[in-house]
Each structure stands twice: as C-alpha cells, then as structure tokens.
C-alpha cells in the first residue's frame, strides 16, 4: 500500500505539480490500508452469510431457478433450471 501511495504521489507531483510531505504519504497509505481491510472484512462476513444450500422440494413438486441479464450492447439472456 505504501509503494502504491508513493507511486501515486510521485505522478501527482510530476503531472500536477502537487507536492506533499513524507508523513502525509505514510498517513494516506495507512488510511488506504485501513479502508481496504475494513472492506475486505465486511465482504467476507457478507459472503459467509450468503451461503445457502439447495433443498429437495416435497414429492410432486419441481423447483425452478431463473436468471436474466440485459447487456450494455443491447443483447439479453435468460436461463432456467428445473429440478425435482
């Protein structure tokens, strides 16, 4: 994270003539790291909560799973799965 922040600040200095103090680069890197770990922790918790398993329907019933998509280019897609 520190190397990435240093690279960004170097480019910011070269192309925009903005210079920051060394401690500001370290602080930005620490903030980015904290934001990354918070997001990763939250995404991991949400992923664990989303895990579901398929359960067989009662006798005489059929389960359908459907999904659709609309593409940027104008196409569409539809998928259907039926299982007893």
PDB file of N, CA and C in Angstrom:
ATOM      1  N   UNK A   1       0.826  -1.185   0.000  1.00  0.00           N
ATOM      2  CA  UNK A   1       0.000   0.000   0.000  1.00  0.00           C
ATOM      3  C   UNK A   1       0.872   1.251   0.000  1.00  0.00           C
ATOM      4  N   UNK A   2       1.971   1.179   0.737  1.00  0.00           N
ATOM      5  CA  UNK A   2       2.884   2.317   0.793  1.00  0.00           C
ATOM      6  C   UNK A   2       3.506   2.584  -0.578  1.00  0.00           C
ATOM      7  N   UNK A   3       3.939   1.537  -1.262  1.00  0.00           N
ATOM      8  CA  UNK A   3       4.527   1.716  -2.598  1.00  0.00           C
ATOM      9  C   UNK A   3       3.508   2.282  -3.575  1.00  0.00           C
ATOM     10  N   UNK A   4       2.276   1.802  -3.502  1.00  0.00           N
ATOM     11  CA  UNK A   4       1.228   2.298  -4.392  1.00  0.00           C
ATOM     12  C   UNK A   4       0.974   3.784  -4.128  1.00  0.00           C
ATOM     13  N   UNK A   5       0.916   4.165  -2.852  1.00  0.00           N
ATOM     14  CA  UNK A   5       0.691   5.570  -2.491  1.00  0.00           C
ATOM     15  C   UNK A   5       1.865   6.433  -2.932  1.00  0.00           C
ATOM     16  N   UNK A   6       3.077   5.943  -2.739  1.00  0.00           N
ATOM     17  CA  UNK A   6       4.249   6.700  -3.175  1.00  0.00           C
ATOM     18  C   UNK A   6       4.227   6.914  -4.685  1.00  0.00           C
ATOM     19  N   UNK A   7       3.863   5.884  -5.427  1.00  0.00           N
ATOM     20  CA  UNK A   7       3.786   5.996  -6.883  1.00  0.00           C
ATOM     21  C   UNK A   7       2.729   7.020  -7.298  1.00  0.00           C
ATOM     22  N   UNK A   8       1.578   6.985  -6.655  1.00  0.00           N
ATOM     23  CA  UNK A   8       0.516   7.954  -6.973  1.00  0.00           C
ATOM     24  C   UNK A   8       0.959   9.383  -6.678  1.00  0.00           C
ATOM     25  N   UNK A   9       1.603   9.574  -5.540  1.00  0.00           N
ATOM     26  CA  UNK A   9       2.044  10.918  -5.176  1.00  0.00           C
ATOM     27  C   UNK A   9       3.178  11.404  -6.079  1.00  0.00           C
ATOM     28  N   UNK A  10       4.032  10.483  -6.517  1.00  0.00           N
ATOM     29  CA  UNK A  10       5.081  10.847  -7.477  1.00  0.00           C
ATOM     30  C   UNK A  10       4.443  11.348  -8.770  1.00  0.00           C
ATOM     31  N   UNK A  11       3.467  10.591  -9.275  1.00  0.00           N
ATOM     32  CA  UNK A  11       2.774  11.005 -10.505  1.00  0.00           C
ATOM     33  C   UNK A  11       2.028  12.318 -10.304  1.00  0.00           C
ATOM     34  N   UNK A  12       1.412  12.477  -9.155  1.00  0.00           N
ATOM     35  CA  UNK A  12       0.703  13.714  -8.842  1.00  0.00           C
ATOM     36  C   UNK A  12       1.670  14.904  -8.838  1.00  0.00           C
ATOM     37  N   UNK A  13       2.869  14.677  -8.345  1.00  0.00           N
ATOM     38  CA  UNK A  13       3.884  15.741  -8.340  1.00  0.00           C
ATOM     39  C   UNK A  13       4.374  16.037  -9.763  1.00  0.00           C
ATOM     40  N   UNK A  14       4.644  14.988 -10.534  1.00  0.00           N
ATOM     41  CA  UNK A  14       5.167  15.181 -11.890  1.00  0.00           C
ATOM     42  C   UNK A  14       4.157  15.834 -12.829  1.00  0.00           C
ATOM     43  N   UNK A  15       2.908  15.393 -12.778  1.00  0.00           N
ATOM     44  CA  UNK A  15       1.921  15.842 -13.747  1.00  0.00           C
ATOM     45  C   UNK A  15       1.069  17.018 -13.275  1.00  0.00           C
ATOM     46  N   UNK A  16       0.923  17.176 -11.968  1.00  0.00           N
ATOM     47  CA  UNK A  16       0.074  18.248 -11.442  1.00  0.00           C
ATOM     48  C   UNK A  16       0.844  19.245 -10.586  1.00  0.00           C
ATOM     49  N   UNK A  17       2.131  19.015 -10.425  1.00  0.00           N
ATOM     50  CA  UNK A  17       2.998  19.882  -9.639  1.00  0.00           C
ATOM     51  C   UNK A  17       2.520  20.019  -8.186  1.00  0.00           C
ATOM     52  N   UNK A  18       1.917  18.936  -7.664  1.00  0.00           N
ATOM     53  CA  UNK A  18       1.478  18.905  -6.257  1.00  0.00           C
ATOM     54  C   UNK A  18       2.497  18.123  -5.449  1.00  0.00           C
ATOM     55  N   UNK A  19       3.013  18.719  -4.413  1.00  0.00           N
ATOM     56  CA  UNK A  19       3.986  18.039  -3.558  1.00  0.00           C
ATOM     57  C   UNK A  19       3.410  17.944  -2.152  1.00  0.00           C
ATOM     58  N   UNK A  20       3.571  16.767  -1.556  1.00  0.00           N
ATOM     59  CA  UNK A  20       3.111  16.552  -0.188  1.00  0.00           C
ATOM     60  C   UNK A  20       4.297  16.114   0.663  1.00  0.00           C
ATOM     61  N   UNK A  21       4.152  16.253   1.953  1.00  0.00           N
ATOM     62  CA  UNK A  21       5.195  15.852   2.901  1.00  0.00           C
ATOM     63  C   UNK A  21       5.235  14.321   3.007  1.00  0.00           C
ATOM     64  N   UNK A  22       6.384  13.823   3.428  1.00  0.00           N
ATOM     65  CA  UNK A  22       6.566  12.377   3.544  1.00  0.00           C
ATOM     66  C   UNK A  22       5.569  11.768   4.529  1.00  0.00           C
ATOM     67  N   UNK A  23       5.344  12.434   5.653  1.00  0.00           N
ATOM     68  CA  UNK A  23       4.417  11.895   6.648  1.00  0.00           C
ATOM     69  C   UNK A  23       2.995  11.831   6.101  1.00  0.00           C
ATOM     70  N   UNK A  24       2.648  12.733   5.151  1.00  0.00           N
ATOM     71  CA  UNK A  24       1.314  12.683   4.543  1.00  0.00           C
ATOM     72  C   UNK A  24       1.164  11.448   3.658  1.00  0.00           C
ATOM     73  N   UNK A  25       2.248  11.057   2.990  1.00  0.00           N
ATOM     74  CA  UNK A  25       2.211   9.847   2.164  1.00  0.00           C
ATOM     75  C   UNK A  25       1.992   8.621   3.057  1.00  0.00           C
ATOM     76  N   UNK A  26       2.712   8.582   4.167  1.00  0.00           N
ATOM     77  CA  UNK A  26       2.557   7.459   5.098  1.00  0.00           C
ATOM     78  C   UNK A  26       1.133   7.439   5.658  1.00  0.00           C
ATOM     79  N   UNK A  27       0.603   8.592   6.023  1.00  0.00           N
ATOM     80  CA  UNK A  27      -0.751   8.661   6.564  1.00  0.00           C
ATOM     81  C   UNK A  27      -1.789   8.218   5.534  1.00  0.00           C
ATOM     82  N   UNK A  28      -1.610   8.652   4.275  1.00  0.00           N
ATOM     83  CA  UNK A  28      -2.530   8.216   3.212  1.00  0.00           C
ATOM     84  C   UNK A  28      -2.468   6.706   3.041  1.00  0.00           C
ATOM     85  N   UNK A  29      -1.250   6.147   3.053  1.00  0.00           N
ATOM     86  CA  UNK A  29      -1.096   4.696   2.907  1.00  0.00           C
ATOM     87  C   UNK A  29      -1.794   3.962   4.045  1.00  0.00           C
ATOM     88  N   UNK A  30      -1.632   4.455   5.262  1.00  0.00           N
ATOM     89  CA  UNK A  30      -2.303   3.830   6.414  1.00  0.00           C
ATOM     90  C   UNK A  30      -3.818   3.927   6.287  1.00  0.00           C
ATOM     91  N   UNK A  31      -4.320   5.057   5.812  1.00  0.00           N
ATOM     92  CA  UNK A  31      -5.765   5.215   5.610  1.00  0.00           C
ATOM     93  C   UNK A  31      -6.278   4.270   4.538  1.00  0.00           C
ATOM     94  N   UNK A  32      -5.528   4.148   3.425  1.00  0.00           N
ATOM     95  CA  UNK A  32      -5.921   3.211   2.370  1.00  0.00           C
ATOM     96  C   UNK A  32      -5.939   1.782   2.900  1.00  0.00           C
ATOM     97  N   UNK A  33      -4.915   1.435   3.705  1.00  0.00           N
ATOM     98  CA  UNK A  33      -4.839   0.080   4.257  1.00  0.00           C
ATOM     99  C   UNK A  33      -6.024  -0.194   5.178  1.00  0.00           C
ATOM    100  N   UNK A  34      -6.354   0.766   6.018  1.00  0.00           N
ATOM    101  CA  UNK A  34      -7.492   0.598   6.926  1.00  0.00           C
ATOM    102  C   UNK A  34      -8.797   0.443   6.146  1.00  0.00           C
ATOM    103  N   UNK A  35      -8.967   1.256   5.116  1.00  0.00           N
ATOM    104  CA  UNK A  35     -10.169   1.158   4.283  1.00  0.00           C
ATOM    105  C   UNK A  35     -10.236  -0.196   3.588  1.00  0.00           C
ATOM    106  N   UNK A  36      -9.104  -0.666   3.078  1.00  0.00           N
ATOM    107  CA  UNK A  36      -9.056  -1.963   2.409  1.00  0.00           C
ATOM    108  C   UNK A  36      -9.419  -3.095   3.363  1.00  0.00           C
ATOM    109  N   UNK A  37      -8.804  -3.112   4.555  1.00  0.00           N
ATOM    110  CA  UNK A  37      -9.075  -4.198   5.498  1.00  0.00           C
ATOM    111  C   UNK A  37     -10.518  -4.152   6.008  1.00  0.00           C
ATOM    112  N   UNK A  38     -11.063  -2.960   6.222  1.00  0.00           N
ATOM    113  CA  UNK A  38     -12.466  -2.853   6.638  1.00  0.00           C
ATOM    114  C   UNK A  38     -13.390  -3.409   5.565  1.00  0.00           C
ATOM    115  N   UNK A  39     -13.125  -3.039   4.323  1.00  0.00           N
ATOM    116  CA  UNK A  39     -13.961  -3.523   3.221  1.00  0.00           C
ATOM    117  C   UNK A  39     -13.827  -5.031   3.069  1.00  0.00           C
ATOM    118  N   UNK A  40     -12.597  -5.534   3.142  1.00  0.00           N
ATOM    119  CA  UNK A  40     -12.375  -6.970   3.000  1.00  0.00           C
ATOM    120  C   UNK A  40     -13.060  -7.742   4.124  1.00  0.00           C
ATOM    121  N   UNK A  41     -12.969  -7.245   5.330  1.00  0.00           N
ATOM    122  CA  UNK A  41     -13.612  -7.899   6.476  1.00  0.00           C
ATOM    123  C   UNK A  41     -15.125  -7.929   6.278  1.00  0.00           C
ATOM    124  N   UNK A  42     -15.700  -6.805   5.846  1.00  0.00           N
ATOM    125  CA  UNK A  42     -17.143  -6.720   5.633  1.00  0.00           C
ATOM    126  C   UNK A  42     -17.569  -7.645   4.500  1.00  0.00           C
ATOM    127  N   UNK A  43     -16.806  -7.684   3.409  1.00  0.00           N
ATOM    128  CA  UNK A  43     -17.150  -8.546   2.280  1.00  0.00           C
ATOM    129  C   UNK A  43     -17.083 -10.012   2.678  1.00  0.00           C
ATOM    130  N   UNK A  44     -16.125 -10.383   3.519  1.00  0.00           N
ATOM    131  CA  UNK A  44     -16.002 -11.759   3.974  1.00  0.00           C
ATOM    132  C   UNK A  44     -17.195 -12.147   4.833  1.00  0.00           C
ATOM    133  N   UNK A  45     -17.613 -11.274   5.734  1.00  0.00           N
ATOM    134  CA  UNK A  45     -18.770 -11.555   6.586  1.00  0.00           C
ATOM    135  C   UNK A  45     -20.023 -11.688   5.737  1.00  0.00           C
ATOM    136  N   UNK A  46     -20.222 -10.790   4.784  1.00  0.00           N
ATOM    137  CA  UNK A  46     -21.396 -10.856   3.916  1.00  0.00           C
ATOM    138  C   UNK A  46     -21.387 -12.128   3.087  1.00  0.00           C
ATOM    139  N   UNK A  47     -20.223 -12.552   2.619  1.00  0.00           N
ATOM    140  CA  UNK A  47     -20.123 -13.755   1.802  1.00  0.00           C
ATOM    141  C   UNK A  47     -20.512 -14.985   2.609  1.00  0.00           C
ATOM    142  N   UNK A  48     -20.070 -15.061   3.850  1.00  0.00           N
ATOM    143  CA  UNK A  48     -20.400 -16.194   4.702  1.00  0.00           C
ATOM    144  C   UNK A  48     -21.899 -16.248   4.951  1.00  0.00           C
ATOM    145  N   UNK A  49     -22.534 -15.108   5.146  1.00  0.00           N
ATOM    146  CA  UNK A  49     -23.964 -15.062   5.405  1.00  0.00           C
ATOM    147  C   UNK A  49     -24.785 -15.440   4.177  1.00  0.00           C
ATOM    148  N   UNK A  50     -24.231 -15.282   2.955  1.00  0.00           N
ATOM    149  CA  UNK A  50     -24.970 -15.556   1.729  1.00  0.00           C
ATOM    150  C   UNK A  50     -24.983 -17.029   1.353  1.00  0.00           C
ATOM    151  N   UNK A  51     -24.160 -17.864   1.982  1.00  0.00           N
ATOM    152  CA  UNK A  51     -24.068 -19.266   1.597  1.00  0.00           C
ATOM    153  C   UNK A  51     -25.382 -19.970   1.913  1.00  0.00           C
ATOM    154  N   UNK A  52     -25.964 -20.566   0.885  1.00  0.00           N
ATOM    155  CA  UNK A  52     -27.221 -21.315   1.040  1.00  0.00           C
ATOM    156  C   UNK A  52     -27.079 -22.642   0.314  1.00  0.00           C
ATOM    157  N   UNK A  53     -27.786 -23.634   0.774  1.00  0.00           N
ATOM    158  CA  UNK A  53     -27.743 -24.933   0.113  1.00  0.00           C
ATOM    159  C   UNK A  53     -29.099 -25.240  -0.494  1.00  0.00           C
ATOM    160  N   UNK A  54     -29.070 -26.037  -1.548  1.00  0.00           N
ATOM    161  CA  UNK A  54     -30.296 -26.435  -2.237  1.00  0.00           C
ATOM    162  C   UNK A  54     -30.976 -27.526  -1.435  1.00  0.00           C
ATOM    163  N   UNK A  55     -32.296 -27.411  -1.289  1.00  0.00           N
ATOM    164  CA  UNK A  55     -33.078 -28.433  -0.596  1.00  0.00           C
ATOM    165  C   UNK A  55     -34.096 -29.007  -1.566  1.00  0.00           C
ATOM    166  N   UNK A  56     -34.191 -30.308  -1.558  1.00  0.00           N
ATOM    167  CA  UNK A  56     -35.135 -31.002  -2.432  1.00  0.00           C
ATOM    168  C   UNK A  56     -36.572 -30.585  -2.080  1.00  0.00           C
ATOM    169  N   UNK A  57     -37.407 -30.302  -3.110  1.00  0.00           N
ATOM    170  CA  UNK A  57     -38.801 -29.950  -2.822  1.00  0.00           C
ATOM    171  C   UNK A  57     -39.598 -31.194  -2.401  1.00  0.00           C
ATOM    172  N   UNK A  58     -40.770 -30.985  -1.846  1.00  0.00           N
ATOM    173  CA  UNK A  58     -41.605 -32.131  -1.463  1.00  0.00           C
ATOM    174  C   UNK A  58     -41.966 -32.973  -2.695  1.00  0.00           C
ATOM    175  N   UNK A  59     -42.319 -34.233  -2.497  1.00  0.00           N
ATOM    176  CA  UNK A  59     -42.695 -35.091  -3.631  1.00  0.00           C
ATOM    177  C   UNK A  59     -43.831 -34.465  -4.448  1.00  0.00           C
ATOM    178  N   UNK A  60     -43.699 -34.545  -5.775  1.00  0.00           N
ATOM    179  CA  UNK A  60     -44.708 -33.990  -6.668  1.00  0.00           C
ATOM    180  C   UNK A  60     -44.460 -32.530  -7.026  1.00  0.00           C
ATOM    181  N   UNK A  61     -43.439 -31.906  -6.464  1.00  0.00           N
ATOM    182  CA  UNK A  61     -43.112 -30.508  -6.747  1.00  0.00           C
ATOM    183  C   UNK A  61     -41.828 -30.424  -7.578  1.00  0.00           C
ATOM    184  N   UNK A  62     -41.698 -29.343  -8.330  1.00  0.00           N
ATOM    185  CA  UNK A  62     -40.486 -29.076  -9.111  1.00  0.00           C
ATOM    186  C   UNK A  62     -40.023 -27.663  -8.770  1.00  0.00           C
ATOM    187  N   UNK A  63     -38.724 -27.497  -8.533  1.00  0.00           N
ATOM    188  CA  UNK A  63     -38.168 -26.177  -8.265  1.00  0.00           C
ATOM    189  C   UNK A  63     -37.609 -25.593  -9.562  1.00  0.00           C
ATOM    190  N   UNK A  64     -37.881 -24.307  -9.773  1.00  0.00           N
ATOM    191  CA  UNK A  64     -37.338 -23.583 -10.917  1.00  0.00           C
ATOM    192  C   UNK A  64     -36.403 -22.493 -10.413  1.00  0.00           C
ATOM    193  N   UNK A  65     -35.271 -22.347 -11.085  1.00  0.00           N
ATOM    194  CA  UNK A  65     -34.346 -21.253 -10.799  1.00  0.00           C
ATOM    195  C   UNK A  65     -34.162 -20.495 -12.104  1.00  0.00           C
ATOM    196  N   UNK A  66     -34.463 -19.190 -12.090  1.00  0.00           N
ATOM    197  CA  UNK A  66     -34.384 -18.393 -13.305  1.00  0.00           C
ATOM    198  C   UNK A  66     -33.475 -17.194 -13.077  1.00  0.00           C
ATOM    199  N   UNK A  67     -32.820 -16.769 -14.165  1.00  0.00           N
ATOM    200  CA  UNK A  67     -31.997 -15.569 -14.104  1.00  0.00           C
ATOM    201  C   UNK A  67     -32.026 -14.920 -15.474  1.00  0.00           C
ATOM    202  N   UNK A  68     -31.965 -13.600 -15.494  1.00  0.00           N
ATOM    203  CA  UNK A  68     -31.980 -12.857 -16.754  1.00  0.00           C
ATOM    204  C   UNK A  68     -30.910 -11.786 -16.709  1.00  0.00           C
ATOM    205  N   UNK A  69     -30.455 -11.379 -17.894  1.00  0.00           N
ATOM    206  CA  UNK A  69     -29.433 -10.340 -17.988  1.00  0.00           C
ATOM    207  C   UNK A  69     -29.727  -9.451 -19.184  1.00  0.00           C
ATOM    208  N   UNK A  70     -29.423  -8.162 -19.018  1.00  0.00           N
ATOM    209  CA  UNK A  70     -29.503  -7.202 -20.118  1.00  0.00           C
ATOM    210  C   UNK A  70     -28.098  -6.657 -20.315  1.00  0.00           C
ATOM    211  N   UNK A  71     -27.563  -6.825 -21.518  1.00  0.00           N
ATOM    212  CA  UNK A  71     -26.193  -6.420 -21.802  1.00  0.00           C
ATOM    213  C   UNK A  71     -26.135  -4.983 -22.278  1.00  0.00           C
ATOM    214  N   UNK A  72     -24.989  -4.335 -22.055  1.00  0.00           N
ATOM    215  CA  UNK A  72     -24.803  -2.957 -22.486  1.00  0.00           C
ATOM    216  C   UNK A  72     -24.968  -2.818 -23.992  1.00  0.00           C
ATOM    217  N   UNK A  73     -24.532  -3.843 -24.717  1.00  0.00           N
ATOM    218  CA  UNK A  73     -24.584  -3.786 -26.178  1.00  0.00           C
ATOM    219  C   UNK A  73     -25.992  -3.982 -26.735  1.00  0.00           C
ATOM    220  N   UNK A  74     -26.958  -4.223 -25.861  1.00  0.00           N
ATOM    221  CA  UNK A  74     -28.336  -4.351 -26.310  1.00  0.00           C
ATOM    222  C   UNK A  74     -28.865  -5.770 -26.304  1.00  0.00           C
ATOM    223  N   UNK A  75     -28.036  -6.756 -26.054  1.00  0.00           N
ATOM    224  CA  UNK A  75     -28.494  -8.135 -26.023  1.00  0.00           C
ATOM    225  C   UNK A  75     -29.127  -8.480 -24.691  1.00  0.00           C
ATOM    226  N   UNK A  76     -29.840  -9.586 -24.678  1.00  0.00           N
ATOM    227  CA  UNK A  76     -30.452 -10.080 -23.443  1.00  0.00           C
ATOM    228  C   UNK A  76     -30.176 -11.563 -23.318  1.00  0.00           C
ATOM    229  N   UNK A  77     -30.309 -12.081 -22.130  1.00  0.00           N
ATOM    230  CA  UNK A  77     -30.121 -13.516 -21.897  1.00  0.00           C
ATOM    231  C   UNK A  77     -31.069 -13.981 -20.822  1.00  0.00           C
ATOM    232  N   UNK A  78     -31.454 -15.260 -20.904  1.00  0.00           N
ATOM    233  CA  UNK A  78     -32.356 -15.861 -19.940  1.00  0.00           C
ATOM    234  C   UNK A  78     -31.911 -17.282 -19.692  1.00  0.00           C
ATOM    235  N   UNK A  79     -31.886 -17.694 -18.448  1.00  0.00           N
ATOM    236  CA  UNK A  79     -31.539 -19.065 -18.106  1.00  0.00           C
ATOM    237  C   UNK A  79     -32.548 -19.619 -17.122  1.00  0.00           C
ATOM    238  N   UNK A  80     -32.905 -20.893 -17.313  1.00  0.00           N
ATOM    239  CA  UNK A  80     -33.877 -21.562 -16.437  1.00  0.00           C
ATOM    240  C   UNK A  80     -33.376 -22.966 -16.139  1.00  0.00           C
ATOM    241  N   UNK A  81     -33.469 -23.357 -14.861  1.00  0.00           N
ATOM    242  CA  UNK A  81     -33.136 -24.705 -14.447  1.00  0.00           C
ATOM    243  C   UNK A  81     -34.303 -25.239 -13.657  1.00  0.00           C
ATOM    244  N   UNK A  82     -34.753 -26.448 -13.996  1.00  0.00           N
ATOM    245  CA  UNK A  82     -35.836 -27.103 -13.243  1.00  0.00           C
ATOM    246  C   UNK A  82     -35.280 -28.389 -12.648  1.00  0.00           C
ATOM    247  N   UNK A  83     -35.620 -28.637 -11.374  1.00  0.00           N
ATOM    248  CA  UNK A  83     -35.107 -29.828 -10.702  1.00  0.00           C
ATOM    249  C   UNK A  83     -36.115 -30.311  -9.674  1.00  0.00           C
ATOM    250  N   UNK A  84     -36.247 -31.649  -9.576  1.00  0.00           N
ATOM    251  CA  UNK A  84     -37.185 -32.196  -8.585  1.00  0.00           C
ATOM    252  C   UNK A  84     -36.509 -32.565  -7.300  1.00  0.00           C
TER     253      UNK A  84
END
